[in-house]
Amino acid sequence: MNLGTEPLLTVGAFMNTDDPDVALMAFDEGAGVVGTLLDQTSLLNTMIGSSSGRKTTFELEPGQSPLFPRLTSAACAAARQQFNAKAAETEGSFQKNPVDSKLFKPEELRSGTFGLSPSDTPVSCPKAPCGGGLRPLAGEVSTLSSHVSGSGQTVPPFNGGMALTSQGGGPPPAALWPGFSNVAGVKALVKFVVSYCGIVNVHTHTNAAEWNTVISGAGQVSYYQVNTGSKPQRVTMNVKKGDMFVFPRGSAHWWVNYSPTEQLVTVGGFTAAFPDTALLSQLFKQSQAIFPMVTSAVLGDAFVPSADSDSLFPLLATRSPKSCGGDQPCTSCA
């Protein structure tokens, strides 16, 4: 119930592959469970209860769903009083958000400026300034889920993670959120903050597809199609606030924020509790160190790895001034 003075907006997902099943439970203009029992008053009163039948909501407009009724002004005012006097967060609820699960701060959403401190985006780059960062949120995987990637019974216990090897490796700490864990093969939530003139370096998730919705800023995202033979093989999309995009499982993908004054921010998720993350730049860097003839053959002779090979969030080299990026806006990205 929204008792505020502005619309309540959320970004979320249903974890099934078909349209979600929805069952209305109340009267709901005769469409709900209670509504279908009005012709059996005694049975209804015994199983559910009784009311005066007076409505506290506006009449539905043509095409409006009974799933979204609107309280009258008087009913809304009374509901606010009841809420302030009686409503409180349930103590000990197993569905309560885990510690550190708040992806965004209210002031970030109001101002459009998003923090990049270790507490805001635990996964970032080896040293500042960074091209961005992310905060993952995964449910704790049940030890009984022996066939679920990331469960306690797999060997090794976790199948990869979003923290880079050079930063310690392994998955982010599991957060106990039973209502989210072990749902539809297990999922993870994530927020991305791509800084001014920032980049999300080209990488893959071999065990997960990824989806994101832009909530602030704009940018360009690309991925390289996997085993399709389609043309073009590279898919590039210009995205802005409100747009959603998906990277197929296993596809190499990357992002660029070409704005010097506005961050690109998304909320999204992965189809695995702990998605493997492999940087293409690290593959070439390590191949060069072990067997340079391979990189010479596939990349050209005298290949020199990028200085940002170990960073998931580098910055555009063409930005100015060179000290910008991270929390500091730039003058230009070109």
Protein backbone atom coordinates (compact mmCIF):
# COMPACT_ATOMS: atom_id res chain seq x y z
CA MET A 1 0.00 0.00 0.00
CA ASN A 2 1.34 3.41 -0.97
CA LEU A 3 0.26 6.03 1.57
CA GLY A 4 2.73 8.67 0.42
CA THR A 5 2.29 11.72 -1.77
CA GLU A 6 4.22 10.44 -4.79
CA PRO A 7 4.10 7.26 -6.89
CA LEU A 8 5.89 4.22 -5.45
CA LEU A 9 8.19 2.81 -8.12
CA THR A 10 10.20 -0.43 -7.96
CA VAL A 11 12.37 -2.47 -10.31
CA GLY A 12 12.12 -6.24 -9.96
CA ALA A 13 11.68 -9.57 -11.70
CA PHE A 14 9.63 -12.76 -11.68
CA MET A 15 11.83 -15.85 -11.57
CA ASN A 16 9.84 -18.03 -13.93
CA THR A 17 10.08 -18.30 -17.69
CA ASP A 18 6.38 -17.81 -18.51
CA ASP A 19 3.91 -15.09 -17.57
CA PRO A 20 3.57 -15.07 -13.75
CA ASP A 21 0.44 -16.68 -12.30
CA VAL A 22 -1.69 -14.12 -10.42
CA ALA A 23 -4.67 -15.00 -8.22
CA LEU A 24 -6.84 -12.26 -6.67
CA MET A 25 -7.89 -13.27 -3.16
CA ALA A 26 -10.46 -10.68 -2.01
CA PHE A 27 -13.71 -9.33 -3.53
CA ASP A 28 -11.85 -7.55 -6.33
CA GLU A 29 -15.00 -6.48 -8.20
CA GLY A 30 -16.17 -10.08 -8.16
CA ALA A 31 -12.98 -11.43 -9.76
CA GLY A 32 -11.26 -12.60 -6.55
CA VAL A 33 -11.74 -15.71 -4.41
CA VAL A 34 -14.09 -13.90 -2.03
CA GLY A 35 -16.00 -12.36 -4.94
CA THR A 36 -16.78 -15.77 -6.39
CA LEU A 37 -18.31 -16.91 -3.08
CA LEU A 38 -20.85 -14.11 -2.66
CA ASP A 39 -23.60 -16.47 -3.76
CA GLN A 40 -22.77 -18.74 -0.80
CA THR A 41 -22.96 -16.22 2.03
CA SER A 42 -23.09 -18.71 4.91
CA LEU A 43 -20.08 -20.63 3.65
CA LEU A 44 -18.21 -17.39 2.98
CA ASN A 45 -18.94 -16.01 6.46
CA THR A 46 -17.79 -19.26 8.07
CA MET A 47 -14.54 -19.55 6.13
CA ILE A 48 -13.58 -15.88 5.80
CA GLY A 49 -15.87 -13.50 7.71
CA SER A 50 -18.32 -10.73 6.94
CA SER A 51 -18.30 -6.98 6.23
CA SER A 52 -20.72 -4.15 5.68
CA GLY A 53 -20.00 -4.26 1.97
CA ARG A 54 -19.35 -0.50 1.87
CA LYS A 55 -16.52 0.35 -0.52
CA THR A 56 -13.56 2.52 0.48
CA THR A 57 -12.08 2.59 -3.02
CA PHE A 58 -12.92 4.46 -6.21
CA GLU A 59 -14.86 2.72 -8.93
CA LEU A 60 -12.58 1.11 -11.48
CA GLU A 61 -12.18 2.92 -14.75
CA PRO A 62 -12.62 0.98 -18.02
CA GLY A 63 -9.63 -1.30 -18.55
CA GLN A 64 -8.32 -0.82 -15.00
CA SER A 65 -7.32 -4.01 -13.17
CA PRO A 66 -8.83 -4.83 -9.75
CA LEU A 67 -5.25 -5.73 -8.77
CA PHE A 68 -4.64 -1.98 -8.34
CA PRO A 69 -7.57 -0.37 -6.48
CA ARG A 70 -7.34 3.27 -5.29
CA LEU A 71 -8.45 4.36 -1.83
CA THR A 72 -10.81 7.33 -1.59
CA SER A 73 -9.32 10.48 -0.08
CA ALA A 74 -11.08 9.87 3.24
CA ALA A 75 -9.98 6.22 3.35
CA CYS A 76 -6.40 7.16 2.51
CA ALA A 77 -6.30 9.73 5.33
CA ALA A 78 -7.68 7.16 7.78
CA ALA A 79 -5.14 4.59 6.57
CA ARG A 80 -2.30 7.03 7.21
CA GLN A 81 -3.47 7.48 10.80
CA GLN A 82 -3.68 3.73 11.32
CA PHE A 83 -0.25 3.25 9.78
CA ASN A 84 1.39 5.87 11.99
CA ALA A 85 -0.29 4.57 15.12
CA LYS A 86 -0.06 0.81 14.70
CA ALA A 87 2.15 -0.31 11.84
CA ALA A 88 5.67 -1.42 12.64
CA GLU A 89 8.25 -3.59 10.97
CA THR A 90 7.83 -7.21 11.92
CA GLU A 91 10.50 -8.27 14.38
CA GLY A 92 12.46 -11.38 13.50
CA SER A 93 10.94 -11.78 10.06
CA PHE A 94 12.92 -14.27 7.98
CA GLN A 95 12.14 -12.10 4.96
CA LYS A 96 13.78 -9.00 6.42
CA ASN A 97 16.55 -7.70 4.20
CA PRO A 98 19.94 -9.10 5.21
CA VAL A 99 22.63 -6.81 6.56
CA ASP A 100 24.22 -4.75 3.75
CA SER A 101 21.48 -5.70 1.29
CA LYS A 102 20.32 -2.14 0.66
CA LEU A 103 21.60 -1.57 -2.84
CA PHE A 104 20.97 2.19 -2.83
CA LYS A 105 20.74 5.00 -0.29
CA PRO A 106 17.64 7.25 -0.43
CA GLU A 107 19.79 10.35 -0.97
CA GLU A 108 21.47 8.70 -3.98
CA LEU A 109 18.13 8.14 -5.68
CA ARG A 110 17.00 11.68 -4.88
CA SER A 111 20.18 13.41 -6.03
CA GLY A 112 21.22 11.19 -8.94
CA THR A 113 24.78 11.02 -7.56
CA PHE A 114 25.91 7.56 -6.43
CA GLY A 115 28.72 6.63 -4.05
CA LEU A 116 31.73 4.54 -5.06
CA SER A 117 33.25 3.92 -1.62
CA PRO A 118 34.07 0.32 -0.56
CA SER A 119 30.85 0.28 1.48
CA ASP A 120 28.83 1.41 -1.56
CA THR A 121 30.46 -0.79 -4.22
CA PRO A 122 32.61 -3.54 -2.61
CA VAL A 123 33.74 -4.79 -6.03
CA SER A 124 35.59 -2.03 -7.85
CA CYS A 125 39.13 -1.63 -9.23
CA PRO A 126 42.64 -2.14 -7.76
CA LYS A 127 43.28 1.57 -7.23
CA ALA A 128 41.44 4.89 -7.54
CA PRO A 129 40.16 6.60 -9.55
CA CYS A 130 37.92 3.80 -10.80
CA GLY A 131 35.60 3.60 -13.75
CA GLY A 132 32.85 2.26 -11.50
CA GLY A 133 31.90 -0.47 -9.08
CA LEU A 134 29.20 -2.96 -8.17
CA ARG A 135 27.44 -4.37 -5.12
CA PRO A 136 26.27 -7.99 -5.40
CA LEU A 137 23.54 -9.56 -3.29
CA ALA A 138 23.14 -13.32 -3.27
CA GLY A 139 20.96 -15.54 -1.15
CA GLU A 140 22.60 -18.24 0.93
CA VAL A 141 22.41 -21.49 -1.02
CA SER A 142 20.91 -24.41 0.89
CA THR A 143 23.25 -27.31 1.65
CA LEU A 144 20.44 -29.60 0.48
CA SER A 145 20.63 -28.21 -3.05
CA SER A 146 23.33 -30.59 -4.20
CA HIS A 147 22.76 -29.89 -7.88
CA VAL A 148 22.67 -26.10 -7.57
CA SER A 149 25.79 -24.20 -8.61
CA GLY A 150 27.21 -22.54 -5.53
CA SER A 151 25.71 -24.92 -2.96
CA GLY A 152 27.60 -26.07 0.12
CA GLN A 153 27.86 -29.61 -1.25
CA THR A 154 29.63 -28.76 -4.49
CA VAL A 155 33.39 -29.14 -4.75
CA PRO A 156 34.81 -26.55 -4.51
CA PRO A 157 32.04 -25.07 -2.33
CA PHE A 158 31.41 -22.10 -4.63
CA ASN A 159 31.52 -21.93 -8.40
CA GLY A 160 33.42 -18.69 -8.93
CA GLY A 161 32.45 -15.18 -7.92
CA MET A 162 32.24 -11.54 -8.97
CA ALA A 163 35.31 -10.43 -6.99
CA LEU A 164 38.38 -10.50 -9.23
CA THR A 165 41.23 -12.91 -8.52
CA SER A 166 43.67 -10.01 -8.11
CA GLN A 167 41.40 -8.64 -5.38
CA GLY A 168 41.24 -11.83 -3.38
CA GLY A 169 38.99 -13.94 -5.57
CA GLY A 170 36.03 -16.04 -4.55
CA PRO A 171 32.35 -15.14 -4.31
CA PRO A 172 30.86 -12.27 -2.34
CA PRO A 173 29.72 -13.23 1.18
CA ALA A 174 26.41 -15.05 1.15
CA ALA A 175 23.49 -13.21 2.75
CA LEU A 176 20.72 -15.27 4.33
CA TRP A 177 17.55 -14.34 2.47
CA PRO A 178 15.42 -17.52 2.34
CA GLY A 179 12.65 -15.95 0.27
CA PHE A 180 15.15 -15.26 -2.51
CA SER A 181 17.59 -18.19 -2.21
CA ASN A 182 17.05 -21.37 -4.20
CA VAL A 183 14.41 -19.69 -6.39
CA ALA A 184 14.24 -20.83 -10.02
CA GLY A 185 17.72 -22.32 -9.97
CA VAL A 186 19.11 -19.57 -7.70
CA LYS A 187 19.63 -15.91 -8.60
CA ALA A 188 21.73 -12.93 -7.52
CA LEU A 189 20.91 -9.22 -7.48
CA VAL A 190 23.43 -6.52 -8.36
CA LYS A 191 23.77 -2.76 -8.68
CA PHE A 192 26.26 -1.18 -11.08
CA VAL A 193 27.61 2.36 -10.89
CA VAL A 194 29.65 3.22 -14.00
CA SER A 195 31.52 6.42 -13.31
CA TYR A 196 32.11 9.53 -15.42
CA CYS A 197 33.96 8.34 -18.59
CA GLY A 198 33.92 4.86 -17.03
CA ILE A 199 34.09 1.41 -18.58
CA VAL A 200 32.97 -2.07 -17.54
CA ASN A 201 35.79 -4.08 -19.10
CA VAL A 202 34.98 -6.87 -21.56
CA HIS A 203 34.30 -10.08 -19.60
CA THR A 204 32.18 -13.23 -19.54
CA HIS A 205 30.00 -15.15 -17.06
CA THR A 206 30.19 -18.78 -18.12
CA ASN A 207 27.49 -19.87 -15.66
CA ALA A 208 25.02 -16.98 -15.83
CA ALA A 209 23.00 -14.66 -18.01
CA GLU A 210 22.74 -11.06 -16.80
CA TRP A 211 19.96 -8.46 -16.93
CA ASN A 212 19.98 -4.77 -16.00
CA THR A 213 17.58 -1.82 -15.88
CA VAL A 214 18.98 1.70 -16.17
CA ILE A 215 17.77 3.91 -13.30
CA SER A 216 20.07 6.89 -13.91
CA GLY A 217 22.20 8.20 -16.76
CA ALA A 218 22.83 6.73 -20.20
CA GLY A 219 25.55 4.79 -21.98
CA GLN A 220 26.44 2.16 -24.56
CA VAL A 221 26.45 -1.59 -23.91
CA SER A 222 27.70 -4.34 -26.21
CA TYR A 223 27.98 -8.10 -26.33
CA TYR A 224 29.41 -10.66 -28.74
CA GLN A 225 26.84 -13.29 -29.70
CA VAL A 226 27.60 -16.88 -28.72
CA ASN A 227 27.35 -19.76 -31.21
CA THR A 228 24.69 -18.10 -33.34
CA GLY A 229 26.43 -17.40 -36.59
CA SER A 230 24.19 -14.31 -36.71
CA LYS A 231 25.25 -11.12 -38.40
CA PRO A 232 26.28 -8.81 -36.94
CA GLN A 233 28.08 -10.94 -34.37
CA ARG A 234 28.59 -7.88 -32.15
CA VAL A 235 25.41 -6.31 -30.75
CA THR A 236 25.63 -2.69 -29.50
CA MET A 237 22.81 -0.79 -27.80
CA ASN A 238 22.53 2.82 -26.64
CA VAL A 239 20.62 2.71 -23.35
CA LYS A 240 19.06 5.40 -21.16
CA LYS A 241 17.01 5.67 -17.98
CA GLY A 242 14.18 3.13 -18.05
CA ASP A 243 15.79 0.83 -20.64
CA MET A 244 16.47 -2.83 -19.87
CA PHE A 245 19.14 -4.98 -21.49
CA VAL A 246 20.25 -8.61 -21.27
CA PHE A 247 23.61 -10.29 -21.82
CA PRO A 248 23.23 -13.96 -22.83
CA ARG A 249 25.01 -16.56 -20.72
CA GLY A 250 28.65 -16.96 -21.72
CA SER A 251 28.73 -13.94 -24.03
CA ALA A 252 31.62 -11.48 -23.90
CA HIS A 253 30.15 -8.09 -22.98
CA TRP A 254 31.20 -4.57 -21.99
CA TRP A 255 29.78 -1.14 -21.13
CA VAL A 256 30.94 2.44 -21.73
CA ASN A 257 29.68 5.63 -20.09
CA TYR A 258 30.57 8.46 -22.48
CA SER A 259 29.17 11.16 -20.21
CA PRO A 260 31.72 13.34 -18.37
CA THR A 261 29.13 14.65 -15.92
CA GLU A 262 26.59 11.88 -15.28
CA GLN A 263 27.01 8.37 -13.88
CA LEU A 264 25.41 5.32 -15.52
CA VAL A 265 23.57 3.35 -12.82
CA THR A 266 21.60 0.10 -13.11
CA VAL A 267 19.91 -2.48 -10.93
CA GLY A 268 19.83 -6.01 -12.25
CA GLY A 269 20.77 -9.59 -11.57
CA PHE A 270 22.32 -12.88 -12.63
CA THR A 271 20.88 -16.35 -13.21
CA ALA A 272 23.37 -17.82 -10.73
CA ALA A 273 23.99 -17.16 -7.05
CA PHE A 274 27.69 -16.53 -7.65
CA PRO A 275 28.37 -15.81 -11.33
CA ASP A 276 31.83 -16.63 -12.63
CA THR A 277 33.54 -13.52 -13.97
CA ALA A 278 36.48 -13.77 -16.37
CA LEU A 279 38.20 -10.71 -17.87
CA LEU A 280 39.28 -11.11 -21.49
CA SER A 281 42.22 -8.78 -20.78
CA GLN A 282 43.47 -11.07 -18.02
CA LEU A 283 43.27 -14.06 -20.37
CA PHE A 284 45.53 -12.31 -22.89
CA LYS A 285 47.86 -10.92 -20.21
CA GLN A 286 48.40 -14.31 -18.59
CA SER A 287 48.72 -16.03 -21.97
CA GLN A 288 51.40 -13.49 -22.92
CA ALA A 289 53.32 -14.22 -19.74
CA ILE A 290 53.18 -18.00 -20.20
CA PHE A 291 53.37 -18.46 -23.97
CA PRO A 292 53.85 -15.19 -25.93
CA MET A 293 53.80 -17.00 -29.27
CA VAL A 294 50.07 -17.57 -28.73
CA THR A 295 49.27 -13.89 -28.28
CA SER A 296 51.59 -12.99 -31.17
CA ALA A 297 49.68 -15.40 -33.39
CA VAL A 298 46.19 -14.23 -32.47
CA LEU A 299 46.80 -10.54 -31.61
CA GLY A 300 49.89 -9.60 -33.57
CA ASP A 301 53.61 -9.61 -32.83
CA ALA A 302 54.98 -7.69 -29.84
CA PHE A 303 51.62 -7.59 -28.04
CA VAL A 304 51.73 -5.46 -24.88
CA PRO A 305 48.90 -5.99 -22.35
CA SER A 306 46.93 -2.94 -21.26
CA ALA A 307 47.93 -1.28 -18.01
CA ASP A 308 44.28 -1.79 -17.01
CA SER A 309 44.25 -5.54 -17.70
CA ASP A 310 43.44 -6.36 -14.07
CA SER A 311 40.62 -3.83 -13.73
CA LEU A 312 36.96 -4.59 -14.24
CA PHE A 313 36.31 -0.83 -14.12
CA PRO A 314 38.93 1.13 -16.09
CA LEU A 315 38.47 4.70 -17.34
CA LEU A 316 38.55 6.07 -20.88
CA ALA A 317 42.14 7.08 -21.64
CA THR A 318 40.86 10.08 -23.61
CA ARG A 319 39.15 11.71 -20.61
CA SER A 320 40.21 15.08 -19.29
CA PRO A 321 41.48 16.03 -16.88
CA LYS A 322 43.37 12.80 -16.19
CA SER A 323 42.58 13.09 -12.49
CA CYS A 324 38.82 12.80 -13.06
CA GLY A 325 36.74 9.67 -12.81
CA GLY A 326 35.55 7.80 -9.75
CA ASP A 327 33.65 10.37 -7.68
CA GLN A 328 35.01 13.31 -9.70
CA PRO A 329 33.18 14.50 -12.84
CA CYS A 330 35.23 15.12 -15.99
CA THR A 331 35.33 17.98 -18.48
CA SER A 332 35.36 15.69 -21.50
CA CYS A 333 35.51 11.99 -22.33
CA ALA A 334 36.66 12.42 -25.93
